[in-house]
Protein backbone atom coordinates (compact mmCIF):
# COMPACT_ATOMS: atom_id res chain seq x y z
CA MET A 1 253.34 149.84 91.45
CA SER A 2 254.31 146.61 89.68
CA GLY A 3 257.84 147.16 87.82
CA LEU A 4 258.83 149.66 90.62
CA LYS A 5 261.90 148.21 92.29
CA HIS A 6 262.95 150.93 94.83
CA ILE A 7 261.85 154.77 94.15
CA THR A 8 264.12 158.23 94.63
CA ILE A 9 263.64 160.23 96.83
CA GLU A 10 261.93 162.76 94.19
CA GLN A 11 259.61 160.08 93.15
CA ASN A 12 258.95 159.43 96.99
CA VAL A 13 257.55 163.26 97.34
CA GLU A 14 255.93 163.05 94.13
CA PHE A 15 254.04 160.05 95.30
CA LEU A 16 253.08 161.60 98.63
CA LYS A 17 251.96 165.06 96.84
CA ARG A 18 249.38 162.83 94.89
CA TYR A 19 248.39 160.69 97.97
CA ALA A 20 247.84 164.26 99.54
CA PHE A 21 245.72 165.23 96.85
CA PHE A 22 243.42 162.20 96.46
CA GLU A 23 242.98 162.69 100.45
CA ARG A 24 241.74 166.23 100.19
CA ALA A 25 239.81 165.81 97.21
CA ALA A 26 238.21 163.12 99.16
CA MET A 27 237.72 165.46 102.30
CA ARG A 28 236.46 168.28 100.12
CA ALA A 29 233.85 166.11 97.95
CA LEU A 30 232.53 164.49 101.55
CA ALA A 31 232.20 167.48 103.06
CA GLY A 32 230.37 169.59 100.52
CA TRP A 33 227.84 166.26 99.91
CA LEU A 34 227.41 165.72 104.13
CA PRO A 35 224.31 168.03 103.49
CA GLY A 36 222.85 166.30 100.40
CA VAL A 37 223.43 162.63 102.05
CA PRO A 38 219.67 161.54 103.09
CA GLU A 39 220.50 157.99 104.86
CA TRP A 40 221.40 159.23 108.72
CA ASP A 41 223.79 156.84 109.23
CA ALA A 42 225.95 157.74 106.36
CA LYS A 43 225.73 161.20 107.79
CA ASN A 44 227.59 159.99 110.41
CA GLU A 45 230.78 157.96 109.14
CA ILE A 46 231.02 160.80 106.47
CA GLY A 47 231.21 163.62 108.91
CA LEU A 48 234.28 161.11 110.81
CA HIS A 49 235.70 160.87 107.46
CA VAL A 50 235.94 164.15 106.69
CA TRP A 51 238.23 164.56 109.75
CA GLU A 52 240.19 161.63 109.02
CA SER A 53 240.74 162.65 105.76
CA ALA A 54 241.91 166.30 106.93
CA ASP A 55 244.23 164.27 109.25
CA ALA A 56 245.87 162.56 106.64
CA VAL A 57 246.35 165.11 104.47
CA ASP A 58 247.91 166.77 107.29
CA VAL A 59 250.19 163.88 108.32
CA ILE A 60 251.34 163.80 104.33
CA TYR A 61 252.23 167.52 104.53
CA ASN A 62 254.22 167.52 107.45
CA ARG A 63 256.49 164.56 105.60
CA LEU A 64 256.50 166.48 102.80
CA ARG A 65 257.79 169.56 104.37
CA GLU A 66 260.72 167.41 105.97
CA LEU A 67 261.35 166.39 102.39
CA ARG A 68 261.66 169.70 101.40
CA CYS A 69 258.39 170.27 99.80
CA HIS A 70 256.47 172.94 101.04
CA GLN A 71 254.12 173.43 98.14
CA PRO A 72 252.51 170.50 97.48
CA GLU A 73 250.06 171.00 94.92
CA ARG A 74 252.52 172.71 92.42
CA ASN A 75 253.33 171.05 89.24
CA ILE A 76 250.96 168.60 90.55
CA SER A 77 248.95 166.89 87.25
CA PRO A 78 246.48 169.04 85.30
CA ALA A 79 244.56 165.44 85.00
CA LEU A 80 244.28 165.39 89.31
CA PRO A 81 241.42 168.50 89.81
CA VAL A 82 239.86 166.92 86.66
CA VAL A 83 239.41 163.85 89.05
CA ALA A 84 238.66 166.03 92.17
CA ALA A 85 236.07 167.79 89.88
CA ALA A 86 234.49 164.65 89.23
CA LEU A 87 234.12 163.51 92.70
CA ASP A 88 231.90 166.47 93.64
CA LYS A 89 229.85 165.52 90.66
CA SER A 90 228.09 162.79 91.83
CA ALA A 91 224.41 162.79 91.47
CA ASN A 92 223.88 160.63 94.71
CA THR A 93 225.11 158.55 97.65
CA ALA A 94 225.56 155.69 95.91
CA GLU A 95 227.78 157.52 93.71
CA VAL A 96 229.91 159.66 96.36
CA ILE A 97 230.54 155.81 98.11
CA ALA A 98 231.03 154.15 94.90
CA THR A 99 233.48 156.87 93.82
CA VAL A 100 235.26 158.43 97.03
CA TYR A 101 236.00 155.24 98.98
CA LEU A 102 235.58 152.49 96.40
CA VAL A 103 237.82 153.93 93.47
CA ILE A 104 239.56 156.63 95.40
CA LYS A 105 240.17 155.68 98.87
CA LYS A 106 240.39 152.39 97.92
CA LEU A 107 243.49 152.59 95.70
CA LEU A 108 244.95 154.91 98.00
CA LEU A 109 244.94 152.31 100.53
CA GLU A 110 246.56 149.92 98.46
CA ALA A 111 249.23 151.93 97.59
CA LEU A 112 250.02 153.20 100.60
CA ARG A 113 249.91 149.38 101.81
CA ILE A 114 252.59 148.56 98.93
CA HIS A 115 254.62 151.51 99.78
CA PRO A 116 257.16 150.78 102.47
CA GLU A 117 258.36 148.04 100.18
CA VAL A 118 259.52 150.64 97.12
CA THR A 119 260.92 153.55 98.85
CA TRP A 120 263.91 153.19 100.93
CA SER A 121 262.50 151.68 103.88
CA ASN A 122 265.50 151.74 106.05
CA PHE A 123 266.00 155.33 104.97
CA ASP A 124 262.95 156.78 104.63
CA ASN A 125 260.95 155.22 108.64
CA PRO A 126 259.59 158.33 108.75
CA THR A 127 257.19 157.80 105.51
CA VAL A 128 257.28 154.07 106.81
CA LYS A 129 255.60 155.39 109.72
CA LEU A 130 253.57 157.64 108.05
CA THR A 131 251.74 155.00 105.87
CA GLU A 132 250.97 153.11 109.68
CA GLN A 133 249.23 155.70 111.22
CA VAL A 134 247.17 156.64 107.61
CA ILE A 135 246.02 153.09 107.06
CA PRO A 136 244.10 151.99 110.03
CA ALA A 137 241.35 154.47 109.38
CA LEU A 138 241.39 154.05 105.42
CA GLU A 139 240.70 150.47 105.95
CA GLN A 140 237.69 151.03 108.58
CA GLN A 141 236.31 153.44 106.04
CA VAL A 142 236.60 151.48 102.68
CA ALA A 143 235.16 148.53 104.46
CA TRP A 144 232.34 150.94 105.89
CA ALA A 145 231.84 151.73 102.38
CA GLU A 146 231.59 148.05 100.90
CA ALA A 147 229.80 147.11 103.19
CA PHE A 148 227.18 149.99 103.13
CA LEU A 149 227.14 150.71 99.68
CA PRO A 150 224.43 147.27 98.81
CA THR A 151 222.22 148.64 101.04
CA ILE A 152 221.12 151.42 99.32
CA ILE A 153 222.23 151.02 95.61
CA ASP A 154 218.37 149.77 94.92
CA ARG A 155 217.34 153.86 95.25
CA TYR A 156 220.52 154.97 93.09
CA PRO A 157 219.94 153.11 89.78
CA ASP A 158 223.15 153.26 87.37
CA TRP A 159 225.76 154.15 89.97
CA GLU A 160 228.18 152.09 88.59
CA ILE A 161 228.27 153.96 85.41
CA TRP A 162 229.61 157.39 87.31
CA ARG A 163 232.00 155.06 89.24
CA ASP A 164 233.12 153.73 86.14
CA TYR A 165 233.66 156.95 84.52
CA VAL A 166 235.99 158.37 87.55
CA ALA A 167 238.33 154.91 87.72
CA GLY A 168 238.74 155.86 84.03
CA LEU A 169 239.95 159.08 84.79
CA LEU A 170 242.33 157.90 87.32
CA ALA A 171 243.39 155.33 85.45
CA SER A 172 244.02 157.43 82.26
CA ASP A 173 246.84 159.52 84.56
CA GLY A 174 248.77 156.43 85.73
CA GLY A 175 246.32 155.86 88.82
CA ILE A 176 247.13 156.98 92.39
CA ASN A 177 250.50 157.46 91.65
CA GLY A 178 250.77 158.58 88.55
CA VAL A 179 253.41 156.02 87.33
CA GLY A 180 250.97 153.36 85.31
CA ALA A 181 250.35 153.54 81.70
CA LYS A 182 248.86 157.07 80.38
CA SER A 183 246.17 156.91 78.32
CA SER A 184 243.44 159.33 76.91
CA PRO A 185 240.40 159.96 79.46
CA PRO A 186 237.17 158.51 78.64
CA ASP A 187 234.67 161.14 77.17
CA ARG A 188 232.93 162.99 79.18
CA LEU A 189 229.24 161.70 80.41
CA GLU A 190 226.51 163.81 79.54
CA GLY A 191 224.73 165.09 82.38
CA HIS A 192 225.85 165.21 86.13
CA PRO A 193 225.54 168.76 87.04
CA LEU A 194 227.27 170.23 89.88
CA LEU A 195 224.98 169.90 92.50
CA LEU A 196 227.30 171.65 95.77
CA PRO A 197 226.71 173.26 97.40
CA TRP A 198 223.39 171.83 98.74
CA MET A 199 220.97 174.99 99.22
CA GLN A 200 218.98 172.45 101.60
CA CYS A 201 219.97 169.52 103.61
CA GLN A 202 218.61 166.16 102.75
CA ARG A 203 216.87 163.80 104.88
CA MET A 204 215.07 160.75 104.38
CA PRO A 205 211.49 161.62 103.00
CA ASP A 206 209.47 159.96 106.11
CA TRP A 207 211.71 162.09 108.64
CA PRO A 208 209.78 164.19 110.55
CA ILE A 209 210.73 167.73 110.04
CA PHE A 210 210.87 170.45 113.15
CA LYS A 211 207.64 172.76 113.82
CA PRO A 212 208.52 175.74 115.72
CA GLU A 213 205.62 176.62 116.69
CA GLU A 214 205.65 173.11 118.68
CA ASP A 215 209.11 173.83 120.42
CA ILE A 216 207.87 174.27 123.72
CA GLN A 217 210.75 174.62 125.99
CA PRO A 218 209.87 172.31 129.93
CA ASP A 219 211.20 174.68 132.82
CA ARG A 220 214.65 173.13 133.85
CA LYS A 221 213.21 172.58 137.69
CA THR A 222 209.81 171.72 137.90
CA ASP A 223 210.19 169.21 134.91
CA PRO A 224 213.65 168.27 134.63
CA GLU A 225 212.68 164.73 132.83
CA GLY A 226 210.74 166.85 130.52
CA TYR A 227 213.75 169.40 129.67
CA ARG A 228 216.33 166.99 129.82
CA LEU A 229 214.26 165.28 126.67
CA TRP A 230 213.63 168.34 125.44
CA ARG A 231 217.69 169.49 125.56
CA PHE A 232 219.06 166.17 124.16
CA LYS A 233 216.28 166.21 121.34
CA HIS A 234 217.76 169.32 119.61
CA TYR A 235 221.09 168.05 120.22
CA THR A 236 220.47 165.34 117.49
CA ASN A 237 219.95 168.81 115.45
CA GLU A 238 223.77 169.38 115.44
CA MET A 239 223.74 167.69 112.87
CA THR A 240 222.75 170.91 110.73
CA ALA A 241 225.93 172.66 112.24
CA ALA A 242 227.95 169.71 110.95
CA GLU A 243 226.24 170.42 107.38
CA THR A 244 226.90 174.18 107.56
CA LEU A 245 230.35 173.38 108.22
CA GLY A 246 230.53 171.22 105.30
CA SER A 247 229.04 173.61 103.15
CA ILE A 248 231.27 176.33 104.39
CA LEU A 249 234.83 174.37 103.74
CA TRP A 250 233.66 173.52 100.29
CA MET A 251 232.67 176.90 99.58
CA THR A 252 236.14 178.77 100.44
CA PRO A 253 238.77 176.69 99.01
CA GLU A 254 241.01 180.18 98.65
CA MET A 255 241.35 179.70 102.62
CA SER A 256 244.80 178.21 104.11
CA TRP A 257 245.57 174.54 104.57
CA GLU A 258 245.30 175.58 108.24
CA TYR A 259 241.91 177.05 108.28
CA GLN A 260 240.31 173.96 106.20
CA HIS A 261 241.67 171.24 108.71
CA ASN A 262 240.23 173.45 111.53
CA VAL A 263 237.14 173.38 109.73
CA ALA A 264 237.48 169.89 109.38
CA ARG A 265 237.70 169.28 113.08
CA HIS A 266 234.83 171.52 113.80
CA LEU A 267 232.17 169.91 111.53
CA TRP A 268 233.29 166.14 113.59
CA ASP A 269 232.87 167.78 116.50
CA GLU A 270 229.51 169.38 115.87
CA LEU A 271 228.55 165.67 114.60
CA ARG A 272 230.08 164.07 117.62
CA HIS A 273 227.82 166.49 119.66
CA SER A 274 224.85 165.40 117.21
CA GLN A 275 225.69 161.52 118.18
CA LEU A 276 225.54 162.46 122.21
CA GLY A 277 222.06 163.97 121.80
CA GLN A 278 221.44 160.34 119.91
CA ILE A 279 223.23 158.19 122.85
CA ARG A 280 220.89 160.32 125.28
CA ILE A 281 217.39 160.16 123.58
CA GLN A 282 218.09 156.68 122.63
CA GLN A 283 218.88 155.93 126.55
CA LEU A 284 215.74 157.83 127.46
CA GLY A 285 213.25 155.73 125.19
CA LEU A 286 213.25 157.61 121.93
CA ASN A 287 214.52 156.77 118.45
CA VAL A 288 216.74 159.34 116.26
CA ALA A 289 214.03 158.87 113.31
CA ASP A 290 211.12 160.10 115.31
CA VAL A 291 212.71 163.09 116.47
CA PRO A 292 211.94 166.24 114.24
CA GLN A 293 214.77 167.59 111.72
CA VAL A 294 215.77 171.31 112.75
CA VAL A 295 216.64 171.74 108.53
CA GLN A 296 215.23 174.81 108.70
CA ILE A 297 218.68 176.08 110.28
CA TYR A 298 221.15 174.90 107.54
CA ASN A 299 218.19 175.93 104.61
CA VAL A 300 218.37 179.29 106.13
CA MET A 301 221.72 179.84 106.75
CA MET A 302 222.77 178.74 103.00
CA THR A 303 220.74 181.96 101.84
CA LEU A 304 223.76 183.92 103.38
CA PRO A 305 227.74 184.02 101.92
CA ALA A 306 229.78 181.31 103.57
CA VAL A 307 232.15 183.73 105.15
CA GLU A 308 228.74 184.98 107.15
CA GLN A 309 227.68 181.78 107.96
CA TYR A 310 231.01 181.19 109.29
CA ALA A 311 230.91 184.25 111.56
CA LEU A 312 227.29 183.78 112.27
CA LEU A 313 228.33 180.13 113.80
CA THR A 314 231.63 181.02 115.60
CA THR A 315 230.84 184.51 116.79
CA VAL A 316 226.87 184.62 117.52
CA LEU A 317 225.50 180.69 117.92
CA GLU A 318 227.87 179.08 120.05
CA PRO A 319 229.45 182.07 122.20
CA ASN A 320 226.14 183.02 123.02
CA GLY A 321 224.79 179.23 123.84
CA MET A 322 228.13 178.66 126.35
CA PRO A 323 226.38 180.14 129.28
CA GLU A 324 223.41 177.50 128.84
CA LYS A 325 225.80 174.57 128.74
CA THR A 326 227.43 175.93 132.13
CA THR A 327 224.03 175.91 133.85
CA ASN A 328 223.20 172.96 132.28
CA ARG A 329 226.14 171.11 133.48
CA GLU A 330 225.51 172.59 137.04
CA HIS A 331 221.74 171.42 136.72
CA TRP A 332 222.74 167.99 135.98
CA GLU A 333 225.20 167.26 138.56
CA ALA A 334 222.84 168.50 141.13
CA LEU A 335 220.64 165.58 139.84
CA GLN A 336 223.24 163.53 139.98
CA ASP A 337 222.79 162.68 136.09
CA GLU A 338 226.29 162.63 135.54
CA ILE A 339 225.82 161.07 131.95
CA SER A 340 223.85 164.06 130.95
CA ALA A 341 226.70 166.35 132.94
CA ALA A 342 229.62 164.74 131.02
CA ALA A 343 227.98 165.20 127.53
CA VAL A 344 227.31 168.97 127.94
CA SER A 345 231.07 169.25 129.31
CA TYR A 346 232.63 167.45 126.27
CA ASP A 347 230.46 169.55 123.98
CA TRP A 348 231.39 173.10 126.41
CA SER A 349 234.86 171.97 125.70
CA ASP A 350 234.59 172.06 121.88
CA GLU A 351 232.70 175.20 121.55
CA ASN A 352 235.74 176.69 123.57
CA PHE A 353 237.83 175.66 120.59
CA HIS A 354 235.25 176.98 118.21
CA VAL A 355 234.81 180.21 119.40
CA ARG A 356 238.64 180.59 119.18
CA TRP A 357 238.78 179.36 115.93
CA GLY A 358 235.84 182.30 115.26
CA GLN A 359 238.10 184.67 116.54
CA LYS A 360 241.18 183.70 114.48
CA TRP A 361 239.76 182.84 110.85
CA THR A 362 236.89 185.43 110.64
CA PRO A 363 238.86 187.92 110.09
CA VAL A 364 240.97 186.22 107.63
CA LEU A 365 237.60 185.48 106.15
CA LEU A 366 236.91 188.82 105.68
CA LYS A 367 239.89 190.25 104.32
CA THR A 368 240.54 187.02 102.09
CA TYR A 369 236.73 187.66 100.80
CA ASN A 370 236.87 191.81 100.81
CA TYR A 371 234.48 192.51 103.52
CA PRO A 372 234.76 195.76 105.05
CA GLU A 373 233.60 194.84 108.19
CA THR A 374 235.57 194.40 111.37
CA LEU A 375 234.75 191.24 113.46
CA GLU A 376 232.75 193.00 115.85
CA GLU A 377 230.98 194.91 113.06
CA ILE A 378 229.85 191.22 111.54
CA ARG A 379 229.04 189.68 115.03
CA VAL A 380 226.59 192.34 115.51
CA ARG A 381 224.87 192.23 112.01
CA MET A 382 224.80 188.12 112.10
CA GLU A 383 223.13 188.20 115.67
CA ALA A 384 220.58 191.06 114.21
CA TRP A 385 220.14 188.46 111.60
CA MET A 386 219.99 185.59 113.62
CA ILE A 387 217.45 186.87 115.86
CA GLU A 388 215.31 188.06 113.03
CA ASN A 389 215.53 184.68 110.76
CA THR A 390 216.12 181.82 113.87
CA PRO A 391 213.23 179.33 113.51
CA VAL A 392 214.92 177.97 117.15
CA LYS A 393 213.59 179.68 120.17
CA MET A 394 216.52 178.87 122.00
CA GLN A 395 219.18 180.56 120.04
CA GLN A 396 216.77 183.84 120.35
CA LYS A 397 216.99 183.72 124.28
CA HIS A 398 220.49 182.58 124.23
CA ALA A 399 220.55 186.27 122.44
CA HIS A 400 219.09 187.97 124.74
CA HIS A 401 220.94 185.73 127.98
CA GLU A 402 218.51 183.96 129.06
CA TYR A 403 218.95 180.66 129.87
């Protein structure tokens, strides 16, 4: 922002519009790439950052409405969607991290740090407060990326080429705030086909994959320790629900911002449920890398359109599983297992919101994407599909009200 003394209110609006655009582009790219990143630690960070990006966008949108801007992507520079598309077209984990975090988010962080100095802070204090609210998460995200990227670059040669290309695209349109010197964009690089949406979720090659025929559920009453370990091993595989929501979010850009904000939070909730499983199995003596991954759930759901995936998740799988969560809480409370009871209690609370969102957004999705079905009709069809196609016996039991 060198050369700027104080910006006008109109310039302030344009800056904020660009900030929101880039955070939304980051959210979308990270959501779409969540299934395609094989590194478990990166998945856990990226899922959180999808939500943090969405929350930052929402904060900026609220301020833009106060500044009488109700269509924040109206009259946006035509170069910005090109930058966003390039984020999506990254080829691997290193390129995703380098472009989303170390180009877009790092420059956005620098701009937000300086913003209070160039706006009329005494008159624009709400925007100053906005920067104070958004900056801490960005700082943590960039610091994580700077520390994590060197640990994986040996797997992904030439990642710098795509980083520099994206940085060049952004610079050619004046940078994050658009006031830098404009120039011709760099020539489009060869290759880099769009890999999104990922049709199969990725894991590290040495991680074990779930075998349905070996999934034997211990009896809750006669083998409580075996049941507890079995159940929390399944919790770790809530990662596939987060990955499914990432692809759903990426595949439904026509939906409203409120929907996208809700789906981003839903994604993070499912990732947190995976983490509660990871915490408990580690406390019980297992390593998450030793738990067979139920990648089949994501892979089979990706044979369905996004609308049907969302309906399956929110009107079938989640409501069908609610009674089992109540039973498990009562079971663990009776055994004075406070940790397990607390974990499932927070899961149950989150799932209530997800079911409500399903009731709200499934009809909107059906209308937006021209489905002739009612909410109940698609629920019935998706439950029948699930019973036929799920690799997890537990989900079939839930559908038959066996808990």
